[in-house]
Amino acid sequence: MTIIEYYKWLKKEWAKVGLILSIFLFAILFVIVRQYDFVIFVLLLHTPLYMLHQTEEYVFPGGFTEFFTTKIFNLKKEDTPLNEDFIFFVNISLIWIVLPVFALLSTINYQYGLWIPYFSLFAGVAHIVLAIKAKKMYNPGLAVSLFLNIPVGLWSIIYLENIGILSNLFLNLYMWIGLGINAALPVLGVFLYKNYRKSASK
């Protein structure tokens, strides 16, 4: 398999690969990292947790792109403002690269990764907002948000505050970074939506 062929395969199967990868990451984190440095363990934990979030969105039951297209953008199912390239780029770059890199940089200084639990928390809350906006009891990603992203994110923040690494639960720079990254995603979505409508009207 050539690099190009592998890239095309990964672009289609990345969420399934993420599920398998998350299992290995959980094993490494609980067996090795937890004993080495519990703060690093807490920060790194959000990467495989979010991979499970991606699994719910795009594998089982999947359908997040269709949900966003039809219920949030109010477009037809076959419309593609959120195309495969965009979905792949955002999820891989943010969750597979940015999150673990900043968590690993925390081995140098914890401050590099203190925004990560906030990102996970607000990403989970975003799915609740989507459910309210769409007037639907469920959207792909909501279950993991409710049972993992939100509680583990909140637990991580409380733990970091209890041990003195965070001076305040929410009144800090890291909260704004986590919130800002989450806020940037719908802004990007609106930009794609407007761009798509503009090109479709030509």
N, C-alpha and C. Protein backbone atom coordinates (compact mmCIF):
# COMPACT_ATOMS: atom_id res chain seq x y z
N MET A 1 0.83 -1.20 0.00
CA MET A 1 0.00 0.00 0.00
C MET A 1 0.87 1.26 0.00
N THR A 2 0.64 2.14 -0.97
CA THR A 2 1.42 3.37 -1.05
C THR A 2 0.94 4.35 0.02
N ILE A 3 1.71 5.42 0.21
CA ILE A 3 1.35 6.43 1.20
C ILE A 3 0.02 7.09 0.83
N ILE A 4 -0.17 7.34 -0.47
CA ILE A 4 -1.42 7.97 -0.92
C ILE A 4 -2.60 7.04 -0.67
N GLU A 5 -2.42 5.75 -0.97
CA GLU A 5 -3.48 4.77 -0.73
C GLU A 5 -3.79 4.66 0.76
N TYR A 6 -2.74 4.68 1.58
CA TYR A 6 -2.95 4.62 3.02
C TYR A 6 -3.69 5.85 3.52
N TYR A 7 -3.35 7.01 2.99
CA TYR A 7 -4.01 8.25 3.38
C TYR A 7 -5.50 8.19 3.03
N LYS A 8 -5.82 7.72 1.84
CA LYS A 8 -7.22 7.61 1.42
C LYS A 8 -7.98 6.63 2.31
N TRP A 9 -7.30 5.54 2.68
CA TRP A 9 -7.93 4.56 3.56
C TRP A 9 -8.16 5.16 4.95
N LEU A 10 -7.14 5.85 5.47
CA LEU A 10 -7.25 6.44 6.81
C LEU A 10 -8.34 7.51 6.85
N LYS A 11 -8.49 8.26 5.75
CA LYS A 11 -9.50 9.31 5.70
C LYS A 11 -10.91 8.74 5.81
N LYS A 12 -11.09 7.51 5.38
CA LYS A 12 -12.39 6.86 5.46
C LYS A 12 -12.58 6.10 6.78
N GLU A 13 -11.48 5.56 7.31
CA GLU A 13 -11.59 4.65 8.45
C GLU A 13 -11.01 5.21 9.75
N TRP A 14 -10.68 6.49 9.78
CA TRP A 14 -9.96 7.06 10.92
C TRP A 14 -10.70 6.87 12.25
N ALA A 15 -12.03 6.98 12.24
CA ALA A 15 -12.78 6.87 13.51
C ALA A 15 -12.72 5.45 14.06
N LYS A 16 -12.73 4.45 13.17
CA LYS A 16 -12.61 3.05 13.59
C LYS A 16 -11.21 2.79 14.14
N VAL A 17 -10.21 3.36 13.46
CA VAL A 17 -8.84 3.25 13.93
C VAL A 17 -8.71 3.89 15.30
N GLY A 18 -9.39 5.03 15.49
CA GLY A 18 -9.36 5.73 16.77
C GLY A 18 -9.90 4.90 17.91
N LEU A 19 -10.94 4.10 17.63
CA LEU A 19 -11.50 3.23 18.66
C LEU A 19 -10.47 2.21 19.13
N ILE A 20 -9.77 1.58 18.18
CA ILE A 20 -8.73 0.60 18.52
C ILE A 20 -7.58 1.29 19.24
N LEU A 21 -7.19 2.46 18.73
CA LEU A 21 -6.09 3.20 19.34
C LEU A 21 -6.42 3.61 20.77
N SER A 22 -7.66 3.97 21.01
CA SER A 22 -8.06 4.40 22.36
C SER A 22 -7.89 3.27 23.37
N ILE A 23 -8.13 2.03 22.95
CA ILE A 23 -7.96 0.89 23.85
C ILE A 23 -6.50 0.75 24.28
N PHE A 24 -5.59 0.87 23.31
CA PHE A 24 -4.16 0.80 23.62
C PHE A 24 -3.73 1.97 24.51
N LEU A 25 -4.26 3.16 24.22
CA LEU A 25 -3.90 4.33 25.03
C LEU A 25 -4.39 4.19 26.46
N PHE A 26 -5.61 3.68 26.64
CA PHE A 26 -6.13 3.44 27.99
C PHE A 26 -5.23 2.49 28.76
N ALA A 27 -4.79 1.42 28.08
CA ALA A 27 -3.93 0.42 28.73
C ALA A 27 -2.61 1.05 29.17
N ILE A 28 -2.00 1.84 28.29
CA ILE A 28 -0.73 2.49 28.61
C ILE A 28 -0.91 3.49 29.75
N LEU A 29 -2.00 4.26 29.69
CA LEU A 29 -2.24 5.28 30.71
C LEU A 29 -2.46 4.66 32.09
N PHE A 30 -3.27 3.61 32.16
CA PHE A 30 -3.61 3.03 33.46
C PHE A 30 -2.49 2.15 34.01
N VAL A 31 -1.73 1.51 33.13
CA VAL A 31 -0.68 0.60 33.60
C VAL A 31 0.62 1.34 33.88
N ILE A 32 0.96 2.33 33.04
CA ILE A 32 2.28 2.98 33.15
C ILE A 32 2.18 4.42 33.64
N VAL A 33 1.47 5.26 32.89
CA VAL A 33 1.49 6.71 33.15
C VAL A 33 0.90 7.05 34.51
N ARG A 34 -0.15 6.35 34.92
CA ARG A 34 -0.80 6.64 36.21
C ARG A 34 0.17 6.51 37.37
N GLN A 35 1.11 5.58 37.26
CA GLN A 35 2.10 5.39 38.32
C GLN A 35 3.21 6.44 38.26
N TYR A 36 3.46 6.93 37.05
CA TYR A 36 4.56 7.88 36.82
C TYR A 36 4.20 9.28 37.29
N ASP A 37 3.06 9.80 36.84
CA ASP A 37 2.65 11.16 37.21
C ASP A 37 1.14 11.24 37.01
N PHE A 38 0.41 11.38 38.10
CA PHE A 38 -1.05 11.32 38.01
C PHE A 38 -1.62 12.53 37.28
N VAL A 39 -0.97 13.67 37.37
CA VAL A 39 -1.45 14.86 36.65
C VAL A 39 -1.34 14.64 35.15
N ILE A 40 -0.21 14.11 34.70
CA ILE A 40 -0.04 13.81 33.28
C ILE A 40 -1.07 12.76 32.84
N PHE A 41 -1.31 11.79 33.69
CA PHE A 41 -2.33 10.78 33.42
C PHE A 41 -3.69 11.45 33.21
N VAL A 42 -4.05 12.38 34.07
CA VAL A 42 -5.34 13.07 33.97
C VAL A 42 -5.43 13.84 32.66
N LEU A 43 -4.37 14.53 32.29
CA LEU A 43 -4.39 15.35 31.07
C LEU A 43 -4.41 14.48 29.81
N LEU A 44 -3.64 13.41 29.81
CA LEU A 44 -3.60 12.52 28.65
C LEU A 44 -4.87 11.70 28.51
N LEU A 45 -5.57 11.47 29.61
CA LEU A 45 -6.77 10.64 29.61
C LEU A 45 -7.83 11.16 28.65
N HIS A 46 -7.84 12.47 28.42
CA HIS A 46 -8.90 13.05 27.59
C HIS A 46 -8.73 12.72 26.10
N THR A 47 -7.55 12.31 25.67
CA THR A 47 -7.38 11.94 24.26
C THR A 47 -8.13 10.65 23.92
N PRO A 48 -7.89 9.52 24.61
CA PRO A 48 -8.68 8.32 24.28
C PRO A 48 -10.16 8.47 24.61
N LEU A 49 -10.49 9.27 25.62
CA LEU A 49 -11.90 9.52 25.92
C LEU A 49 -12.58 10.21 24.74
N TYR A 50 -11.88 11.16 24.15
CA TYR A 50 -12.48 11.87 23.02
C TYR A 50 -12.50 11.00 21.78
N MET A 51 -11.59 10.06 21.67
CA MET A 51 -11.65 9.10 20.56
C MET A 51 -12.92 8.25 20.65
N LEU A 52 -13.34 7.93 21.88
CA LEU A 52 -14.62 7.24 22.07
C LEU A 52 -15.77 8.15 21.65
N HIS A 53 -15.65 9.43 21.93
CA HIS A 53 -16.62 10.42 21.51
C HIS A 53 -16.73 10.42 19.99
N GLN A 54 -15.59 10.41 19.31
CA GLN A 54 -15.57 10.37 17.85
C GLN A 54 -16.18 9.07 17.32
N THR A 55 -15.97 7.98 18.04
CA THR A 55 -16.54 6.69 17.64
C THR A 55 -18.06 6.78 17.62
N GLU A 56 -18.63 7.40 18.67
CA GLU A 56 -20.09 7.54 18.71
C GLU A 56 -20.57 8.46 17.59
N GLU A 57 -19.81 9.49 17.29
CA GLU A 57 -20.20 10.44 16.26
C GLU A 57 -20.16 9.85 14.85
N TYR A 58 -19.13 9.03 14.58
CA TYR A 58 -18.89 8.63 13.19
C TYR A 58 -18.90 7.13 12.91
N VAL A 59 -18.99 6.29 13.96
CA VAL A 59 -19.00 4.84 13.74
C VAL A 59 -20.29 4.22 14.27
N PHE A 60 -20.49 4.25 15.58
CA PHE A 60 -21.67 3.64 16.18
C PHE A 60 -22.29 4.56 17.22
N PRO A 61 -23.48 5.06 17.00
CA PRO A 61 -24.30 4.82 15.81
C PRO A 61 -23.89 5.64 14.60
N GLY A 62 -23.01 6.65 14.81
CA GLY A 62 -22.56 7.49 13.70
C GLY A 62 -23.65 8.45 13.24
N GLY A 63 -23.35 9.13 12.14
CA GLY A 63 -24.34 10.03 11.56
C GLY A 63 -24.27 11.47 12.02
N PHE A 64 -23.15 11.86 12.66
CA PHE A 64 -23.07 13.23 13.16
C PHE A 64 -23.07 14.25 12.02
N THR A 65 -22.37 13.94 10.93
CA THR A 65 -22.32 14.87 9.79
C THR A 65 -23.72 15.08 9.22
N GLU A 66 -24.46 13.99 9.07
CA GLU A 66 -25.84 14.08 8.56
C GLU A 66 -26.72 14.87 9.53
N PHE A 67 -26.56 14.61 10.82
CA PHE A 67 -27.34 15.34 11.83
C PHE A 67 -27.07 16.84 11.73
N PHE A 68 -25.80 17.21 11.66
CA PHE A 68 -25.44 18.62 11.61
C PHE A 68 -25.96 19.27 10.33
N THR A 69 -25.87 18.53 9.22
CA THR A 69 -26.32 19.06 7.94
C THR A 69 -27.82 19.30 7.91
N THR A 70 -28.59 18.33 8.40
CA THR A 70 -30.05 18.40 8.28
C THR A 70 -30.72 19.14 9.45
N LYS A 71 -30.19 18.98 10.66
CA LYS A 71 -30.86 19.55 11.84
C LYS A 71 -30.31 20.91 12.28
N ILE A 72 -29.05 21.16 12.00
CA ILE A 72 -28.45 22.44 12.39
C ILE A 72 -28.38 23.40 11.21
N PHE A 73 -27.89 22.91 10.06
CA PHE A 73 -27.84 23.76 8.86
C PHE A 73 -29.17 23.80 8.12
N ASN A 74 -30.08 22.85 8.43
CA ASN A 74 -31.37 22.75 7.75
C ASN A 74 -31.22 22.58 6.24
N LEU A 75 -30.26 21.77 5.86
CA LEU A 75 -30.03 21.44 4.46
C LEU A 75 -30.51 20.02 4.19
N LYS A 76 -30.41 19.61 2.94
CA LYS A 76 -30.80 18.24 2.58
C LYS A 76 -29.69 17.27 2.97
N LYS A 77 -30.07 16.02 3.14
CA LYS A 77 -29.14 14.97 3.56
C LYS A 77 -27.94 14.86 2.63
N GLU A 78 -28.20 15.04 1.31
CA GLU A 78 -27.12 14.87 0.32
C GLU A 78 -26.20 16.07 0.21
N ASP A 79 -26.57 17.18 0.84
CA ASP A 79 -25.69 18.36 0.82
C ASP A 79 -24.44 18.11 1.66
N THR A 80 -23.35 18.75 1.27
CA THR A 80 -22.07 18.46 1.94
C THR A 80 -21.29 19.72 2.32
N PRO A 81 -21.86 20.59 3.15
CA PRO A 81 -21.04 21.72 3.61
C PRO A 81 -19.88 21.22 4.49
N LEU A 82 -20.13 20.15 5.26
CA LEU A 82 -19.07 19.52 6.05
C LEU A 82 -18.61 18.28 5.28
N ASN A 83 -17.61 18.47 4.43
CA ASN A 83 -17.18 17.35 3.60
C ASN A 83 -16.19 16.45 4.34
N GLU A 84 -15.85 15.34 3.71
CA GLU A 84 -14.97 14.34 4.32
C GLU A 84 -13.61 14.91 4.70
N ASP A 85 -13.07 15.77 3.83
CA ASP A 85 -11.76 16.37 4.09
C ASP A 85 -11.79 17.24 5.35
N PHE A 86 -12.85 18.04 5.49
CA PHE A 86 -12.96 18.92 6.65
C PHE A 86 -13.10 18.11 7.94
N ILE A 87 -13.99 17.12 7.93
CA ILE A 87 -14.21 16.27 9.11
C ILE A 87 -12.91 15.59 9.51
N PHE A 88 -12.20 15.06 8.54
CA PHE A 88 -10.94 14.35 8.81
C PHE A 88 -9.90 15.31 9.39
N PHE A 89 -9.73 16.46 8.75
CA PHE A 89 -8.70 17.41 9.17
C PHE A 89 -8.94 17.92 10.58
N VAL A 90 -10.16 18.34 10.88
CA VAL A 90 -10.47 18.90 12.20
C VAL A 90 -10.27 17.87 13.30
N ASN A 91 -10.84 16.66 13.09
CA ASN A 91 -10.78 15.64 14.13
C ASN A 91 -9.36 15.10 14.36
N ILE A 92 -8.64 14.86 13.28
CA ILE A 92 -7.28 14.32 13.42
C ILE A 92 -6.34 15.37 14.00
N SER A 93 -6.38 16.58 13.46
CA SER A 93 -5.43 17.61 13.92
C SER A 93 -5.68 18.00 15.38
N LEU A 94 -6.96 18.14 15.76
CA LEU A 94 -7.27 18.60 17.11
C LEU A 94 -7.17 17.49 18.16
N ILE A 95 -7.76 16.33 17.86
CA ILE A 95 -7.84 15.27 18.88
C ILE A 95 -6.64 14.33 18.84
N TRP A 96 -6.16 14.00 17.67
CA TRP A 96 -5.05 13.04 17.56
C TRP A 96 -3.68 13.71 17.69
N ILE A 97 -3.62 15.02 17.44
CA ILE A 97 -2.31 15.69 17.45
C ILE A 97 -2.23 16.74 18.57
N VAL A 98 -3.11 17.75 18.51
CA VAL A 98 -3.00 18.87 19.45
C VAL A 98 -3.18 18.42 20.90
N LEU A 99 -4.23 17.66 21.20
CA LEU A 99 -4.48 17.22 22.58
C LEU A 99 -3.32 16.43 23.17
N PRO A 100 -2.86 15.34 22.51
CA PRO A 100 -1.76 14.59 23.11
C PRO A 100 -0.44 15.34 23.15
N VAL A 101 -0.18 16.19 22.15
CA VAL A 101 1.08 16.95 22.14
C VAL A 101 1.13 17.90 23.34
N PHE A 102 0.05 18.63 23.60
CA PHE A 102 0.05 19.56 24.72
C PHE A 102 0.02 18.82 26.06
N ALA A 103 -0.62 17.66 26.09
CA ALA A 103 -0.59 16.86 27.32
C ALA A 103 0.84 16.37 27.59
N LEU A 104 1.56 15.97 26.54
CA LEU A 104 2.94 15.52 26.70
C LEU A 104 3.87 16.69 27.05
N LEU A 105 3.59 17.87 26.50
CA LEU A 105 4.37 19.06 26.87
C LEU A 105 4.22 19.38 28.35
N SER A 106 3.14 18.87 28.95
CA SER A 106 2.92 19.09 30.37
C SER A 106 3.93 18.37 31.24
N THR A 107 4.68 17.43 30.65
CA THR A 107 5.76 16.80 31.40
C THR A 107 6.87 17.82 31.68
N ILE A 108 6.91 18.88 30.87
CA ILE A 108 7.87 19.97 31.08
C ILE A 108 7.28 20.99 32.06
N ASN A 109 6.02 21.35 31.78
CA ASN A 109 5.30 22.31 32.63
C ASN A 109 3.81 22.01 32.52
N TYR A 110 3.18 21.76 33.65
CA TYR A 110 1.76 21.40 33.65
C TYR A 110 0.88 22.42 32.93
N GLN A 111 1.30 23.67 32.92
CA GLN A 111 0.47 24.73 32.36
C GLN A 111 0.17 24.54 30.88
N TYR A 112 1.02 23.79 30.17
CA TYR A 112 0.78 23.55 28.74
C TYR A 112 -0.53 22.80 28.50
N GLY A 113 -0.94 21.96 29.41
CA GLY A 113 -2.10 21.12 29.16
C GLY A 113 -3.30 21.37 30.04
N LEU A 114 -3.28 22.42 30.85
CA LEU A 114 -4.37 22.64 31.79
C LEU A 114 -5.69 23.05 31.12
N TRP A 115 -5.63 23.44 29.85
CA TRP A 115 -6.85 23.79 29.12
C TRP A 115 -7.61 22.55 28.63
N ILE A 116 -6.94 21.39 28.60
CA ILE A 116 -7.52 20.19 27.99
C ILE A 116 -8.80 19.72 28.69
N PRO A 117 -8.84 19.62 30.04
CA PRO A 117 -10.11 19.22 30.67
C PRO A 117 -11.25 20.18 30.39
N TYR A 118 -10.94 21.47 30.28
CA TYR A 118 -11.97 22.44 29.95
C TYR A 118 -12.49 22.22 28.53
N PHE A 119 -11.58 21.93 27.61
CA PHE A 119 -12.00 21.64 26.24
C PHE A 119 -12.94 20.45 26.21
N SER A 120 -12.59 19.39 26.92
CA SER A 120 -13.41 18.19 26.97
C SER A 120 -14.78 18.47 27.58
N LEU A 121 -14.78 19.23 28.66
CA LEU A 121 -16.03 19.59 29.33
C LEU A 121 -16.95 20.39 28.40
N PHE A 122 -16.41 21.44 27.79
CA PHE A 122 -17.24 22.30 26.94
C PHE A 122 -17.65 21.60 25.64
N ALA A 123 -16.81 20.69 25.15
CA ALA A 123 -17.18 19.92 23.96
C ALA A 123 -18.40 19.05 24.27
N GLY A 124 -18.42 18.51 25.49
CA GLY A 124 -19.58 17.73 25.91
C GLY A 124 -20.82 18.59 26.05
N VAL A 125 -20.67 19.75 26.66
CA VAL A 125 -21.79 20.67 26.82
C VAL A 125 -22.33 21.10 25.46
N ALA A 126 -21.44 21.24 24.48
CA ALA A 126 -21.86 21.65 23.12
C ALA A 126 -22.88 20.69 22.54
N HIS A 127 -22.75 19.39 22.86
CA HIS A 127 -23.70 18.41 22.34
C HIS A 127 -25.08 18.57 23.00
N ILE A 128 -25.10 19.04 24.23
CA ILE A 128 -26.38 19.33 24.87
C ILE A 128 -27.03 20.52 24.18
N VAL A 129 -26.22 21.54 23.87
CA VAL A 129 -26.72 22.72 23.16
C VAL A 129 -27.26 22.33 21.79
N LEU A 130 -26.55 21.43 21.09
CA LEU A 130 -27.01 20.96 19.77
C LEU A 130 -28.35 20.24 19.88
N ALA A 131 -28.50 19.44 20.93
CA ALA A 131 -29.76 18.71 21.13
C ALA A 131 -30.91 19.69 21.35
N ILE A 132 -30.65 20.73 22.13
CA ILE A 132 -31.68 21.75 22.39
C ILE A 132 -32.03 22.50 21.11
N LYS A 133 -30.99 22.90 20.37
CA LYS A 133 -31.22 23.66 19.12
C LYS A 133 -31.99 22.84 18.10
N ALA A 134 -31.62 21.56 17.98
CA ALA A 134 -32.27 20.68 17.00
C ALA A 134 -33.60 20.14 17.50
N LYS A 135 -33.90 20.36 18.79
CA LYS A 135 -35.11 19.83 19.41
C LYS A 135 -35.18 18.31 19.29
N LYS A 136 -34.05 17.69 19.53
CA LYS A 136 -33.92 16.24 19.47
C LYS A 136 -33.37 15.73 20.80
N MET A 137 -33.89 14.61 21.25
CA MET A 137 -33.40 14.03 22.50
C MET A 137 -31.97 13.52 22.37
N TYR A 138 -31.57 13.18 21.13
CA TYR A 138 -30.25 12.58 20.94
C TYR A 138 -29.58 13.11 19.69
N ASN A 139 -28.27 13.25 19.77
CA ASN A 139 -27.44 13.47 18.59
C ASN A 139 -26.15 12.68 18.78
N PRO A 140 -25.54 12.21 17.69
CA PRO A 140 -24.33 11.37 17.81
C PRO A 140 -23.20 12.09 18.56
N GLY A 141 -22.78 11.50 19.66
CA GLY A 141 -21.76 12.10 20.52
C GLY A 141 -22.32 12.51 21.87
N LEU A 142 -23.64 12.56 21.99
CA LEU A 142 -24.27 13.03 23.22
C LEU A 142 -24.07 12.07 24.39
N ALA A 143 -24.17 10.76 24.14
CA ALA A 143 -24.06 9.78 25.22
C ALA A 143 -22.67 9.82 25.87
N VAL A 144 -21.62 9.82 25.04
CA VAL A 144 -20.26 9.88 25.59
C VAL A 144 -20.04 11.23 26.26
N SER A 145 -20.65 12.27 25.72
CA SER A 145 -20.55 13.60 26.35
C SER A 145 -21.11 13.58 27.76
N LEU A 146 -22.31 12.98 27.92
CA LEU A 146 -22.98 12.98 29.21
C LEU A 146 -22.32 12.06 30.23
N PHE A 147 -21.83 10.91 29.75
CA PHE A 147 -21.32 9.90 30.69
C PHE A 147 -19.80 9.90 30.83
N LEU A 148 -19.08 10.56 29.92
CA LEU A 148 -17.62 10.57 30.01
C LEU A 148 -17.02 11.97 29.92
N ASN A 149 -17.24 12.67 28.81
CA ASN A 149 -16.56 13.95 28.60
C ASN A 149 -16.87 14.98 29.70
N ILE A 150 -18.14 15.16 29.99
CA ILE A 150 -18.53 16.17 31.00
C ILE A 150 -18.10 15.75 32.41
N PRO A 151 -18.46 14.54 32.87
CA PRO A 151 -18.06 14.18 34.25
C PRO A 151 -16.55 14.06 34.44
N VAL A 152 -15.84 13.46 33.48
CA VAL A 152 -14.39 13.32 33.62
C VAL A 152 -13.71 14.68 33.49
N GLY A 153 -14.22 15.51 32.58
CA GLY A 153 -13.67 16.86 32.45
C GLY A 153 -13.83 17.65 33.75
N LEU A 154 -15.03 17.58 34.32
CA LEU A 154 -15.29 18.30 35.57
C LEU A 154 -14.48 17.72 36.72
N TRP A 155 -14.38 16.39 36.78
CA TRP A 155 -13.57 15.75 37.82
C TRP A 155 -12.10 16.18 37.70
N SER A 156 -11.59 16.24 36.47
CA SER A 156 -10.20 16.63 36.24
C SER A 156 -9.95 18.05 36.73
N ILE A 157 -10.87 18.95 36.42
CA ILE A 157 -10.73 20.34 36.83
C ILE A 157 -10.75 20.46 38.36
N ILE A 158 -11.68 19.77 39.00
CA ILE A 158 -11.78 19.80 40.47
C ILE A 158 -10.52 19.21 41.11
N TYR A 159 -10.02 18.11 40.53
CA TYR A 159 -8.79 17.49 41.06
C TYR A 159 -7.62 18.45 40.95
N LEU A 160 -7.46 19.10 39.80
CA LEU A 160 -6.34 20.02 39.60
C LEU A 160 -6.45 21.23 40.53
N GLU A 161 -7.68 21.64 40.83
CA GLU A 161 -7.87 22.75 41.77
C GLU A 161 -7.58 22.31 43.21
N ASN A 162 -7.96 21.08 43.54
CA ASN A 162 -7.75 20.57 44.90
C ASN A 162 -6.28 20.42 45.25
N ILE A 163 -5.46 20.06 44.25
CA ILE A 163 -4.03 19.88 44.53
C ILE A 163 -3.23 21.17 44.33
N GLY A 164 -3.94 22.26 44.02
CA GLY A 164 -3.30 23.57 43.96
C GLY A 164 -2.71 23.97 42.62
N ILE A 165 -2.91 23.16 41.58
CA ILE A 165 -2.39 23.52 40.26
C ILE A 165 -3.24 24.60 39.62
N LEU A 166 -4.55 24.53 39.83
CA LEU A 166 -5.46 25.58 39.40
C LEU A 166 -5.85 26.40 40.63
N SER A 167 -5.77 27.72 40.52
CA SER A 167 -6.10 28.58 41.66
C SER A 167 -7.60 28.78 41.80
N ASN A 168 -8.33 28.56 40.69
CA ASN A 168 -9.78 28.72 40.70
C ASN A 168 -10.37 27.77 39.66
N LEU A 169 -11.54 27.23 39.96
CA LEU A 169 -12.14 26.23 39.05
C LEU A 169 -12.38 26.79 37.66
N PHE A 170 -12.96 27.99 37.56
CA PHE A 170 -13.33 28.50 36.25
C PHE A 170 -12.79 29.89 35.94
N LEU A 171 -12.41 30.64 36.92
CA LEU A 171 -11.88 31.97 36.65
C LEU A 171 -10.38 31.88 36.42
N ASN A 172 -10.01 31.37 35.26
CA ASN A 172 -8.59 31.25 34.91
C ASN A 172 -8.43 31.24 33.40
N LEU A 173 -7.21 31.43 32.95
CA LEU A 173 -6.90 31.50 31.52
C LEU A 173 -7.22 30.20 30.79
N TYR A 174 -7.00 29.07 31.44
CA TYR A 174 -7.16 27.77 30.79
C TYR A 174 -8.62 27.50 30.44
N MET A 175 -9.53 27.99 31.28
CA MET A 175 -10.95 27.85 30.98
C MET A 175 -11.28 28.59 29.69
N TRP A 176 -10.73 29.78 29.52
CA TRP A 176 -11.01 30.58 28.33
C TRP A 176 -10.40 29.94 27.08
N ILE A 177 -9.25 29.31 27.23
CA ILE A 177 -8.65 28.62 26.08
C ILE A 177 -9.53 27.45 25.64
N GLY A 178 -9.94 26.63 26.62
CA GLY A 178 -10.81 25.49 26.30
C GLY A 178 -12.13 25.93 25.69
N LEU A 179 -12.71 26.99 26.24
CA LEU A 179 -13.97 27.52 25.73
C LEU A 179 -13.76 28.13 24.34
N GLY A 180 -12.65 28.84 24.17
CA GLY A 180 -12.36 29.50 22.89
C GLY A 180 -12.20 28.52 21.74
N ILE A 181 -11.52 27.41 22.00
CA ILE A 181 -11.34 26.39 20.95
C ILE A 181 -12.69 25.81 20.57
N ASN A 182 -13.54 25.54 21.56
CA ASN A 182 -14.88 25.02 21.27
C ASN A 182 -15.72 26.05 20.52
N ALA A 183 -15.59 27.31 20.89
CA ALA A 183 -16.36 28.37 20.23
C ALA A 183 -15.91 28.56 18.79
N ALA A 184 -14.63 28.30 18.51
CA ALA A 184 -14.10 28.48 17.16
C ALA A 184 -14.70 27.48 16.17
N LEU A 185 -15.09 26.30 16.66
CA LEU A 185 -15.62 25.26 15.78
C LEU A 185 -16.96 25.64 15.16
N PRO A 186 -17.95 26.12 15.92
CA PRO A 186 -19.20 26.56 15.27
C PRO A 186 -19.01 27.78 14.38
N VAL A 187 -18.07 28.65 14.74
CA VAL A 187 -17.77 29.81 13.88
C VAL A 187 -17.26 29.31 12.53
N LEU A 188 -16.39 28.32 12.58
CA LEU A 188 -15.88 27.72 11.35
C LEU A 188 -17.01 27.05 10.58
N GLY A 189 -17.93 26.41 11.32
CA GLY A 189 -19.08 25.78 10.69
C GLY A 189 -19.96 26.78 9.96
N VAL A 190 -20.20 27.93 10.57
CA VAL A 190 -21.00 28.99 9.95
C VAL A 190 -20.32 29.49 8.68
N PHE A 191 -18.99 29.63 8.74
CA PHE A 191 -18.23 30.07 7.57
C PHE A 191 -18.40 29.06 6.43
N LEU A 192 -18.30 27.77 6.74
CA LEU A 192 -18.47 26.73 5.73
C LEU A 192 -19.88 26.74 5.17
N TYR A 193 -20.85 26.93 6.05
CA TYR A 193 -22.26 26.97 5.63
C TYR A 193 -22.49 28.11 4.64
N LYS A 194 -22.03 29.30 4.99
CA LYS A 194 -22.22 30.46 4.11
C LYS A 194 -21.48 30.27 2.80
N ASN A 195 -20.29 29.71 2.87
CA ASN A 195 -19.51 29.45 1.65
C ASN A 195 -20.23 28.45 0.76
N TYR A 196 -20.81 27.42 1.39
CA TYR A 196 -21.51 26.39 0.63
C TYR A 196 -22.76 26.96 -0.04
N ARG A 197 -23.53 27.75 0.70
CA ARG A 197 -24.73 28.36 0.13
C ARG A 197 -24.40 29.32 -1.00
N LYS A 198 -23.29 30.03 -0.85
CA LYS A 198 -22.87 30.96 -1.89
C LYS A 198 -22.49 30.23 -3.17
N SER A 199 -21.72 29.13 -3.01
CA SER A 199 -21.30 28.36 -4.19
C SER A 199 -22.47 27.62 -4.81
N ALA A 200 -23.44 27.19 -3.98
CA ALA A 200 -24.61 26.46 -4.49
C ALA A 200 -25.55 27.36 -5.27
N SER A 201 -25.54 28.66 -4.95
CA SER A 201 -26.44 29.60 -5.61
C SER A 201 -25.91 30.07 -6.96
N LYS A 202 -24.66 29.75 -7.25
CA LYS A 202 -24.08 30.19 -8.53
C LYS A 202 -24.54 29.30 -9.67
